[in-house]
Amino acid sequence: MDIIGDEQQHIQYLREALLEAGKCTPTPTAFCVGCVLVARYPSTAEQQQQPVVLAKGYSRELPGNTHAEANALAKARNFSPEQLSEMFPTGADNKPNIDDLLAHTDVYTTLEPCSVRTSGLAPCADALVTAKVSRCFIGVGEPEDFVQCEGARILKAAGCQVIWLKGLEEECLAAARRGHEG
């Protein structure tokens, strides 16, 4: 699929997600994943949608065996209306709310969003579908080390555009498997 927009900018956001993945505490039974949410919400009717990093997250960052995408979404949902208005200045009658922003948000994730959680927690693909994100840029597909992942298929079926970014697959896979034997 063709990448929409500036390819170098997309790679840069994926590199930021790799930096997030590097913050993960490695464990042999889970992947180290990083995620960056980039909102492209118009500031005024005359302005183009300028990208703003809305939130970042990484695996196990928040308590409860959490995943990168879920953590980034949780952080974004914790912004107050005042904080959102400061991040995305608009006219007085057009204040952004988090649901509107997420509908104009691109997800950059180092590993395909999970579709199954062995812990029983909600999968990240479902959380992204619920958030109605418009596009998901993925560094590498989830290997079948633990489960068979269908995150990209779930996102596509829900109308989210899935873009496989090329060029950082090896780095994304190495980051994911950090702390694994063999």
N, C-alpha and C. Protein backbone atom coordinates (compact mmCIF):
# COMPACT_ATOMS: atom_id res chain seq x y z
N MET A 1 0.85 -1.18 0.00
CA MET A 1 0.00 0.00 0.00
C MET A 1 0.89 1.24 0.00
N ASP A 2 0.52 2.24 -0.78
CA ASP A 2 1.29 3.48 -0.82
C ASP A 2 1.17 4.21 0.51
N ILE A 3 2.27 4.80 0.90
CA ILE A 3 2.28 5.59 2.13
C ILE A 3 1.76 6.97 1.79
N ILE A 4 0.80 7.42 2.57
CA ILE A 4 0.24 8.74 2.35
C ILE A 4 1.04 9.74 3.16
N GLY A 5 1.48 10.82 2.50
CA GLY A 5 2.23 11.85 3.21
C GLY A 5 3.73 11.62 3.08
N ASP A 6 4.47 12.28 3.94
CA ASP A 6 5.92 12.28 3.91
C ASP A 6 6.48 11.00 4.50
N GLU A 7 7.07 10.16 3.66
CA GLU A 7 7.59 8.88 4.12
C GLU A 7 8.65 9.04 5.20
N GLN A 8 9.52 10.04 5.05
CA GLN A 8 10.57 10.26 6.06
C GLN A 8 9.96 10.62 7.42
N GLN A 9 8.88 11.38 7.40
CA GLN A 9 8.20 11.74 8.64
C GLN A 9 7.62 10.49 9.30
N HIS A 10 7.05 9.60 8.51
CA HIS A 10 6.49 8.36 9.07
C HIS A 10 7.61 7.51 9.69
N ILE A 11 8.74 7.42 9.02
CA ILE A 11 9.88 6.66 9.55
C ILE A 11 10.37 7.30 10.85
N GLN A 12 10.39 8.63 10.90
CA GLN A 12 10.83 9.32 12.12
C GLN A 12 9.91 8.99 13.29
N TYR A 13 8.61 8.98 13.07
CA TYR A 13 7.68 8.63 14.15
C TYR A 13 7.88 7.17 14.58
N LEU A 14 8.17 6.29 13.62
CA LEU A 14 8.43 4.90 13.98
C LEU A 14 9.73 4.80 14.78
N ARG A 15 10.71 5.62 14.45
CA ARG A 15 11.95 5.65 15.24
C ARG A 15 11.66 6.11 16.68
N GLU A 16 10.75 7.07 16.83
CA GLU A 16 10.34 7.50 18.18
C GLU A 16 9.69 6.34 18.93
N ALA A 17 8.89 5.55 18.21
CA ALA A 17 8.27 4.38 18.84
C ALA A 17 9.34 3.37 19.25
N LEU A 18 10.40 3.22 18.44
CA LEU A 18 11.50 2.34 18.81
C LEU A 18 12.19 2.82 20.09
N LEU A 19 12.33 4.13 20.24
CA LEU A 19 12.90 4.66 21.49
C LEU A 19 12.02 4.30 22.68
N GLU A 20 10.71 4.35 22.47
CA GLU A 20 9.79 3.94 23.54
C GLU A 20 9.97 2.46 23.87
N ALA A 21 10.09 1.63 22.83
CA ALA A 21 10.27 0.19 23.04
C ALA A 21 11.54 -0.08 23.85
N GLY A 22 12.56 0.76 23.66
CA GLY A 22 13.80 0.62 24.40
C GLY A 22 13.65 0.87 25.89
N LYS A 23 12.56 1.49 26.31
CA LYS A 23 12.31 1.77 27.73
C LYS A 23 11.69 0.57 28.45
N CYS A 24 11.22 -0.42 27.69
CA CYS A 24 10.55 -1.57 28.29
C CYS A 24 11.49 -2.39 29.15
N THR A 25 10.97 -2.89 30.24
CA THR A 25 11.70 -3.88 31.01
C THR A 25 11.53 -5.22 30.29
N PRO A 26 12.64 -5.81 29.82
CA PRO A 26 12.51 -7.07 29.07
C PRO A 26 11.99 -8.20 29.95
N THR A 27 11.24 -9.08 29.33
CA THR A 27 10.75 -10.29 29.97
C THR A 27 10.73 -11.39 28.91
N PRO A 28 11.05 -12.63 29.28
CA PRO A 28 11.10 -13.70 28.28
C PRO A 28 9.72 -14.14 27.77
N THR A 29 8.66 -13.68 28.41
CA THR A 29 7.32 -14.15 28.04
C THR A 29 6.47 -13.09 27.36
N ALA A 30 7.08 -11.96 26.98
CA ALA A 30 6.33 -10.90 26.31
C ALA A 30 7.27 -10.07 25.45
N PHE A 31 6.70 -9.34 24.51
CA PHE A 31 7.48 -8.48 23.63
C PHE A 31 7.67 -7.09 24.23
N CYS A 32 8.74 -6.43 23.79
CA CYS A 32 8.97 -5.02 24.11
C CYS A 32 8.50 -4.20 22.91
N VAL A 33 7.49 -3.40 23.10
CA VAL A 33 6.85 -2.66 22.01
C VAL A 33 6.77 -1.19 22.38
N GLY A 34 6.90 -0.33 21.38
CA GLY A 34 6.73 1.11 21.56
C GLY A 34 5.66 1.63 20.62
N CYS A 35 4.99 2.70 21.05
CA CYS A 35 3.90 3.27 20.27
C CYS A 35 3.90 4.79 20.40
N VAL A 36 3.60 5.46 19.30
CA VAL A 36 3.44 6.92 19.28
C VAL A 36 2.11 7.23 18.60
N LEU A 37 1.30 8.06 19.25
CA LEU A 37 0.04 8.54 18.67
C LEU A 37 0.26 9.94 18.14
N VAL A 38 -0.01 10.14 16.86
CA VAL A 38 0.19 11.44 16.21
C VAL A 38 -1.15 11.94 15.69
N ALA A 39 -1.63 13.02 16.29
CA ALA A 39 -2.91 13.59 15.86
C ALA A 39 -2.68 14.59 14.74
N ARG A 40 -3.55 14.55 13.76
CA ARG A 40 -3.51 15.49 12.64
C ARG A 40 -4.86 16.21 12.62
N TYR A 41 -5.01 17.07 13.61
CA TYR A 41 -6.28 17.76 13.83
C TYR A 41 -6.14 19.20 13.37
N PRO A 42 -7.05 19.70 12.54
CA PRO A 42 -6.91 21.08 12.05
C PRO A 42 -7.08 22.10 13.18
N SER A 43 -6.16 23.07 13.22
CA SER A 43 -6.24 24.11 14.24
C SER A 43 -7.34 25.11 13.92
N THR A 44 -7.42 25.53 12.68
CA THR A 44 -8.52 26.39 12.22
C THR A 44 -8.90 25.93 10.83
N ALA A 45 -10.00 26.44 10.34
CA ALA A 45 -10.48 26.03 9.02
C ALA A 45 -9.46 26.34 7.93
N GLU A 46 -8.65 27.39 8.10
CA GLU A 46 -7.69 27.79 7.08
C GLU A 46 -6.41 26.97 7.12
N GLN A 47 -6.11 26.35 8.25
CA GLN A 47 -4.84 25.66 8.40
C GLN A 47 -4.94 24.19 7.99
N GLN A 48 -3.81 23.68 7.53
CA GLN A 48 -3.71 22.26 7.24
C GLN A 48 -3.60 21.50 8.57
N GLN A 49 -3.82 20.23 8.50
CA GLN A 49 -3.67 19.41 9.69
C GLN A 49 -2.19 19.25 10.00
N GLN A 50 -1.75 19.90 11.08
CA GLN A 50 -0.36 19.80 11.49
C GLN A 50 -0.22 18.65 12.48
N PRO A 51 0.74 17.75 12.25
CA PRO A 51 0.89 16.62 13.16
C PRO A 51 1.38 17.05 14.53
N VAL A 52 0.76 16.50 15.57
CA VAL A 52 1.15 16.75 16.95
C VAL A 52 1.23 15.40 17.66
N VAL A 53 2.37 15.14 18.32
CA VAL A 53 2.47 13.91 19.10
C VAL A 53 1.52 14.04 20.28
N LEU A 54 0.50 13.22 20.28
CA LEU A 54 -0.53 13.25 21.31
C LEU A 54 -0.09 12.49 22.56
N ALA A 55 0.49 11.30 22.35
CA ALA A 55 0.95 10.49 23.48
C ALA A 55 1.89 9.41 22.97
N LYS A 56 2.70 8.91 23.90
CA LYS A 56 3.61 7.79 23.62
C LYS A 56 3.39 6.73 24.69
N GLY A 57 3.77 5.50 24.38
CA GLY A 57 3.66 4.44 25.36
C GLY A 57 4.56 3.28 25.03
N TYR A 58 4.82 2.47 26.03
CA TYR A 58 5.59 1.25 25.82
C TYR A 58 5.06 0.14 26.71
N SER A 59 5.40 -1.07 26.35
CA SER A 59 4.90 -2.24 27.07
C SER A 59 5.31 -2.21 28.53
N ARG A 60 4.38 -2.54 29.40
CA ARG A 60 4.58 -2.64 30.84
C ARG A 60 4.92 -1.30 31.49
N GLU A 61 4.64 -0.21 30.80
CA GLU A 61 4.90 1.13 31.35
C GLU A 61 3.96 1.43 32.52
N LEU A 62 2.70 1.12 32.33
CA LEU A 62 1.69 1.36 33.37
C LEU A 62 1.42 0.04 34.09
N PRO A 63 0.93 0.08 35.31
CA PRO A 63 0.69 -1.16 36.07
C PRO A 63 -0.32 -2.08 35.38
N GLY A 64 -0.12 -3.39 35.56
CA GLY A 64 -1.11 -4.35 35.10
C GLY A 64 -0.76 -5.10 33.83
N ASN A 65 0.52 -5.34 33.54
CA ASN A 65 0.91 -6.08 32.34
C ASN A 65 0.37 -5.41 31.08
N THR A 66 0.54 -4.11 30.98
CA THR A 66 -0.05 -3.31 29.91
C THR A 66 0.82 -3.32 28.65
N HIS A 67 0.16 -3.05 27.53
CA HIS A 67 0.83 -3.01 26.22
C HIS A 67 0.98 -1.56 25.75
N ALA A 68 1.89 -1.37 24.81
CA ALA A 68 2.27 -0.03 24.35
C ALA A 68 1.09 0.79 23.83
N GLU A 69 0.29 0.20 22.94
CA GLU A 69 -0.82 0.96 22.34
C GLU A 69 -1.85 1.34 23.40
N ALA A 70 -2.17 0.40 24.28
CA ALA A 70 -3.14 0.67 25.35
C ALA A 70 -2.62 1.76 26.27
N ASN A 71 -1.32 1.77 26.56
CA ASN A 71 -0.75 2.79 27.43
C ASN A 71 -0.80 4.17 26.78
N ALA A 72 -0.46 4.24 25.50
CA ALA A 72 -0.52 5.53 24.81
C ALA A 72 -1.96 6.05 24.77
N LEU A 73 -2.93 5.16 24.50
CA LEU A 73 -4.33 5.57 24.50
C LEU A 73 -4.77 6.04 25.88
N ALA A 74 -4.35 5.33 26.92
CA ALA A 74 -4.71 5.72 28.29
C ALA A 74 -4.16 7.10 28.63
N LYS A 75 -2.93 7.37 28.25
CA LYS A 75 -2.34 8.68 28.51
C LYS A 75 -3.10 9.77 27.75
N ALA A 76 -3.45 9.50 26.49
CA ALA A 76 -4.19 10.48 25.70
C ALA A 76 -5.55 10.76 26.33
N ARG A 77 -6.20 9.73 26.82
CA ARG A 77 -7.53 9.91 27.42
C ARG A 77 -7.47 10.62 28.77
N ASN A 78 -6.29 10.73 29.35
CA ASN A 78 -6.14 11.42 30.64
C ASN A 78 -5.97 12.93 30.50
N PHE A 79 -5.82 13.43 29.28
CA PHE A 79 -5.70 14.88 29.10
C PHE A 79 -7.02 15.56 29.45
N SER A 80 -6.93 16.69 30.12
CA SER A 80 -8.12 17.48 30.43
C SER A 80 -8.55 18.24 29.17
N PRO A 81 -9.81 18.70 29.12
CA PRO A 81 -10.24 19.51 27.97
C PRO A 81 -9.36 20.75 27.79
N GLU A 82 -8.90 21.33 28.89
CA GLU A 82 -8.03 22.52 28.81
C GLU A 82 -6.69 22.16 28.17
N GLN A 83 -6.13 21.02 28.56
CA GLN A 83 -4.86 20.59 27.97
C GLN A 83 -5.02 20.32 26.47
N LEU A 84 -6.12 19.70 26.10
CA LEU A 84 -6.37 19.43 24.68
C LEU A 84 -6.51 20.74 23.90
N SER A 85 -7.19 21.72 24.48
CA SER A 85 -7.35 23.02 23.81
C SER A 85 -6.02 23.73 23.63
N GLU A 86 -5.12 23.56 24.60
CA GLU A 86 -3.78 24.16 24.47
C GLU A 86 -2.98 23.46 23.37
N MET A 87 -3.10 22.15 23.30
CA MET A 87 -2.36 21.39 22.28
C MET A 87 -2.90 21.62 20.88
N PHE A 88 -4.23 21.84 20.79
CA PHE A 88 -4.90 21.98 19.50
C PHE A 88 -5.78 23.22 19.53
N PRO A 89 -5.18 24.42 19.38
CA PRO A 89 -5.98 25.64 19.44
C PRO A 89 -6.97 25.71 18.27
N THR A 90 -8.21 25.97 18.60
CA THR A 90 -9.26 26.08 17.59
C THR A 90 -10.14 27.27 17.95
N GLY A 91 -11.14 27.51 17.14
CA GLY A 91 -12.10 28.55 17.46
C GLY A 91 -12.88 28.18 18.71
N ALA A 92 -13.46 29.16 19.37
CA ALA A 92 -14.16 28.95 20.64
C ALA A 92 -15.30 27.95 20.52
N ASP A 93 -15.93 27.87 19.35
CA ASP A 93 -17.06 26.96 19.19
C ASP A 93 -16.64 25.58 18.65
N ASN A 94 -15.34 25.35 18.53
CA ASN A 94 -14.86 24.11 17.96
C ASN A 94 -13.76 23.49 18.82
N LYS A 95 -14.01 23.35 20.12
CA LYS A 95 -13.03 22.77 21.03
C LYS A 95 -12.90 21.27 20.75
N PRO A 96 -11.66 20.79 20.61
CA PRO A 96 -11.49 19.35 20.34
C PRO A 96 -11.76 18.51 21.59
N ASN A 97 -12.36 17.36 21.39
CA ASN A 97 -12.45 16.41 22.49
C ASN A 97 -11.62 15.20 22.10
N ILE A 98 -11.32 14.35 23.05
CA ILE A 98 -10.39 13.26 22.80
C ILE A 98 -10.91 12.29 21.73
N ASP A 99 -12.20 12.06 21.67
CA ASP A 99 -12.73 11.15 20.65
C ASP A 99 -12.54 11.72 19.25
N ASP A 100 -12.76 13.04 19.08
CA ASP A 100 -12.50 13.67 17.78
C ASP A 100 -11.03 13.58 17.42
N LEU A 101 -10.17 13.85 18.41
CA LEU A 101 -8.73 13.80 18.15
C LEU A 101 -8.28 12.39 17.75
N LEU A 102 -8.76 11.39 18.46
CA LEU A 102 -8.36 10.02 18.14
C LEU A 102 -8.81 9.61 16.75
N ALA A 103 -9.94 10.12 16.29
CA ALA A 103 -10.42 9.83 14.94
C ALA A 103 -9.52 10.47 13.88
N HIS A 104 -8.69 11.44 14.29
CA HIS A 104 -7.73 12.10 13.40
C HIS A 104 -6.30 11.72 13.79
N THR A 105 -6.14 10.54 14.38
CA THR A 105 -4.84 10.14 14.90
C THR A 105 -4.27 8.96 14.12
N ASP A 106 -2.96 9.05 13.86
CA ASP A 106 -2.20 7.95 13.29
C ASP A 106 -1.47 7.26 14.42
N VAL A 107 -1.43 5.95 14.37
CA VAL A 107 -0.72 5.13 15.35
C VAL A 107 0.56 4.63 14.69
N TYR A 108 1.67 4.82 15.37
CA TYR A 108 2.96 4.27 14.92
C TYR A 108 3.38 3.26 15.98
N THR A 109 3.45 1.99 15.59
CA THR A 109 3.78 0.95 16.55
C THR A 109 4.87 0.05 15.98
N THR A 110 5.79 -0.33 16.85
CA THR A 110 6.92 -1.14 16.40
C THR A 110 6.51 -2.56 16.04
N LEU A 111 5.42 -3.04 16.62
CA LEU A 111 4.96 -4.41 16.41
C LEU A 111 3.45 -4.40 16.15
N GLU A 112 3.01 -5.26 15.27
CA GLU A 112 1.59 -5.38 14.97
C GLU A 112 0.76 -5.41 16.26
N PRO A 113 -0.28 -4.58 16.36
CA PRO A 113 -1.11 -4.58 17.57
C PRO A 113 -1.70 -5.97 17.83
N CYS A 114 -1.65 -6.37 19.10
CA CYS A 114 -2.08 -7.72 19.46
C CYS A 114 -3.58 -7.90 19.24
N SER A 115 -3.93 -9.14 18.90
CA SER A 115 -5.34 -9.50 18.74
C SER A 115 -5.78 -10.50 19.80
N VAL A 116 -4.80 -11.05 20.52
CA VAL A 116 -5.06 -12.03 21.58
C VAL A 116 -4.13 -11.69 22.74
N ARG A 117 -4.65 -11.74 23.96
CA ARG A 117 -3.82 -11.54 25.15
C ARG A 117 -3.87 -12.81 25.97
N THR A 118 -2.72 -13.44 26.19
CA THR A 118 -2.68 -14.65 27.01
C THR A 118 -3.06 -14.34 28.46
N SER A 119 -2.94 -13.07 28.85
CA SER A 119 -3.31 -12.65 30.21
C SER A 119 -4.81 -12.50 30.39
N GLY A 120 -5.54 -12.49 29.27
CA GLY A 120 -6.99 -12.28 29.35
C GLY A 120 -7.40 -10.82 29.26
N LEU A 121 -6.42 -9.91 29.20
CA LEU A 121 -6.75 -8.49 29.07
C LEU A 121 -7.22 -8.19 27.64
N ALA A 122 -7.84 -7.03 27.46
CA ALA A 122 -8.34 -6.65 26.13
C ALA A 122 -7.18 -6.44 25.15
N PRO A 123 -7.31 -6.94 23.92
CA PRO A 123 -6.26 -6.77 22.92
C PRO A 123 -6.15 -5.32 22.44
N CYS A 124 -4.95 -4.95 22.04
CA CYS A 124 -4.70 -3.59 21.57
C CYS A 124 -5.44 -3.30 20.26
N ALA A 125 -5.55 -4.28 19.38
CA ALA A 125 -6.28 -4.05 18.13
C ALA A 125 -7.72 -3.61 18.44
N ASP A 126 -8.34 -4.25 19.42
CA ASP A 126 -9.71 -3.87 19.80
C ASP A 126 -9.75 -2.45 20.37
N ALA A 127 -8.75 -2.10 21.17
CA ALA A 127 -8.70 -0.74 21.75
C ALA A 127 -8.55 0.31 20.67
N LEU A 128 -7.75 0.03 19.65
CA LEU A 128 -7.56 0.97 18.55
C LEU A 128 -8.83 1.09 17.71
N VAL A 129 -9.53 -0.02 17.51
CA VAL A 129 -10.80 0.01 16.79
C VAL A 129 -11.81 0.85 17.57
N THR A 130 -11.90 0.63 18.88
CA THR A 130 -12.82 1.40 19.72
C THR A 130 -12.49 2.89 19.67
N ALA A 131 -11.21 3.22 19.63
CA ALA A 131 -10.78 4.62 19.57
C ALA A 131 -11.03 5.24 18.19
N LYS A 132 -11.31 4.40 17.18
CA LYS A 132 -11.60 4.84 15.82
C LYS A 132 -10.43 5.59 15.18
N VAL A 133 -9.19 5.12 15.48
CA VAL A 133 -8.02 5.73 14.85
C VAL A 133 -8.11 5.51 13.35
N SER A 134 -7.57 6.48 12.59
CA SER A 134 -7.72 6.42 11.14
C SER A 134 -6.68 5.56 10.44
N ARG A 135 -5.43 5.61 10.94
CA ARG A 135 -4.37 4.86 10.29
C ARG A 135 -3.45 4.24 11.34
N CYS A 136 -2.89 3.08 10.99
CA CYS A 136 -1.94 2.40 11.86
C CYS A 136 -0.71 2.04 11.03
N PHE A 137 0.42 2.64 11.38
CA PHE A 137 1.70 2.35 10.73
C PHE A 137 2.43 1.33 11.59
N ILE A 138 2.79 0.21 10.99
CA ILE A 138 3.36 -0.92 11.74
C ILE A 138 4.78 -1.19 11.25
N GLY A 139 5.69 -1.36 12.21
CA GLY A 139 7.09 -1.64 11.88
C GLY A 139 7.33 -3.07 11.42
N VAL A 140 6.69 -4.04 12.11
CA VAL A 140 6.87 -5.45 11.76
C VAL A 140 5.69 -6.25 12.30
N GLY A 141 5.35 -7.33 11.62
CA GLY A 141 4.28 -8.19 12.08
C GLY A 141 4.69 -8.93 13.35
N GLU A 142 3.72 -9.26 14.17
CA GLU A 142 4.02 -9.99 15.40
C GLU A 142 4.40 -11.42 15.06
N PRO A 143 5.60 -11.85 15.49
CA PRO A 143 5.97 -13.25 15.25
C PRO A 143 5.09 -14.18 16.07
N GLU A 144 5.03 -15.43 15.66
CA GLU A 144 4.15 -16.39 16.32
C GLU A 144 4.82 -17.05 17.53
N ASP A 145 5.62 -16.28 18.28
CA ASP A 145 6.31 -16.80 19.47
C ASP A 145 5.32 -17.24 20.55
N PHE A 146 4.24 -16.48 20.70
CA PHE A 146 3.29 -16.73 21.79
C PHE A 146 1.89 -17.04 21.29
N VAL A 147 1.42 -16.26 20.32
CA VAL A 147 0.07 -16.44 19.77
C VAL A 147 0.10 -16.14 18.28
N GLN A 148 -0.97 -16.51 17.59
CA GLN A 148 -1.11 -16.12 16.19
C GLN A 148 -1.86 -14.79 16.18
N CYS A 149 -1.17 -13.74 15.74
CA CYS A 149 -1.74 -12.39 15.79
C CYS A 149 -2.52 -12.08 14.52
N GLU A 150 -3.67 -11.46 14.71
CA GLU A 150 -4.49 -11.01 13.59
C GLU A 150 -4.86 -9.53 13.74
N GLY A 151 -3.98 -8.78 14.42
CA GLY A 151 -4.25 -7.37 14.68
C GLY A 151 -4.47 -6.54 13.44
N ALA A 152 -3.61 -6.71 12.43
CA ALA A 152 -3.75 -5.94 11.20
C ALA A 152 -5.07 -6.26 10.51
N ARG A 153 -5.45 -7.52 10.48
CA ARG A 153 -6.71 -7.92 9.84
C ARG A 153 -7.90 -7.29 10.58
N ILE A 154 -7.87 -7.29 11.89
CA ILE A 154 -8.96 -6.71 12.69
C ILE A 154 -9.07 -5.21 12.42
N LEU A 155 -7.93 -4.53 12.38
CA LEU A 155 -7.94 -3.08 12.11
C LEU A 155 -8.53 -2.80 10.73
N LYS A 156 -8.05 -3.53 9.72
CA LYS A 156 -8.56 -3.34 8.35
C LYS A 156 -10.05 -3.59 8.27
N ALA A 157 -10.52 -4.65 8.92
CA ALA A 157 -11.95 -5.00 8.89
C ALA A 157 -12.80 -3.90 9.51
N ALA A 158 -12.21 -3.15 10.43
CA ALA A 158 -12.94 -2.06 11.09
C ALA A 158 -12.82 -0.73 10.34
N GLY A 159 -12.11 -0.73 9.22
CA GLY A 159 -12.00 0.48 8.42
C GLY A 159 -10.76 1.32 8.70
N CYS A 160 -9.86 0.83 9.52
CA CYS A 160 -8.60 1.52 9.79
C CYS A 160 -7.62 1.18 8.67
N GLN A 161 -6.96 2.20 8.14
CA GLN A 161 -5.96 1.96 7.11
C GLN A 161 -4.69 1.43 7.79
N VAL A 162 -4.22 0.28 7.36
CA VAL A 162 -3.01 -0.33 7.91
C VAL A 162 -1.88 -0.17 6.89
N ILE A 163 -0.77 0.41 7.36
CA ILE A 163 0.38 0.65 6.50
C ILE A 163 1.60 -0.03 7.13
N TRP A 164 2.20 -0.93 6.39
CA TRP A 164 3.40 -1.62 6.85
C TRP A 164 4.59 -0.77 6.41
N LEU A 165 5.25 -0.12 7.35
CA LEU A 165 6.41 0.71 7.02
C LEU A 165 7.61 -0.20 6.72
N LYS A 166 8.31 0.12 5.69
CA LYS A 166 9.47 -0.68 5.28
C LYS A 166 10.76 0.00 5.73
N GLY A 167 11.74 -0.83 6.09
CA GLY A 167 13.06 -0.31 6.38
C GLY A 167 13.54 -0.49 7.81
N LEU A 168 12.63 -0.66 8.76
CA LEU A 168 13.04 -0.81 10.16
C LEU A 168 12.59 -2.15 10.75
N GLU A 169 12.24 -3.11 9.88
CA GLU A 169 11.73 -4.39 10.37
C GLU A 169 12.69 -5.08 11.31
N GLU A 170 13.98 -5.14 10.95
CA GLU A 170 14.96 -5.84 11.80
C GLU A 170 15.09 -5.17 13.16
N GLU A 171 15.15 -3.84 13.18
CA GLU A 171 15.24 -3.11 14.46
C GLU A 171 13.99 -3.33 15.32
N CYS A 172 12.84 -3.32 14.68
CA CYS A 172 11.59 -3.52 15.42
C CYS A 172 11.51 -4.92 16.01
N LEU A 173 11.93 -5.93 15.23
CA LEU A 173 11.90 -7.30 15.71
C LEU A 173 12.93 -7.50 16.83
N ALA A 174 14.12 -6.91 16.66
CA ALA A 174 15.15 -7.03 17.71
C ALA A 174 14.67 -6.36 19.00
N ALA A 175 14.02 -5.22 18.88
CA ALA A 175 13.49 -4.54 20.07
C ALA A 175 12.42 -5.41 20.74
N ALA A 176 11.55 -5.99 19.93
CA ALA A 176 10.45 -6.80 20.47
C ALA A 176 10.98 -7.99 21.26
N ARG A 177 12.03 -8.61 20.73
CA ARG A 177 12.53 -9.85 21.35
C ARG A 177 13.64 -9.61 22.36
N ARG A 178 13.91 -8.36 22.70
CA ARG A 178 14.94 -8.07 23.70
C ARG A 178 14.61 -8.80 25.00
N GLY A 179 15.58 -9.54 25.54
CA GLY A 179 15.36 -10.28 26.77
C GLY A 179 14.94 -11.72 26.55
N HIS A 180 14.74 -12.12 25.28
CA HIS A 180 14.35 -13.50 24.98
C HIS A 180 15.60 -14.34 24.76
N GLU A 181 15.54 -15.58 25.13
CA GLU A 181 16.66 -16.50 24.90
C GLU A 181 16.61 -17.00 23.47
N GLY A 182 17.79 -17.26 22.92
CA GLY A 182 17.88 -17.88 21.58
C GLY A 182 17.64 -16.92 20.54
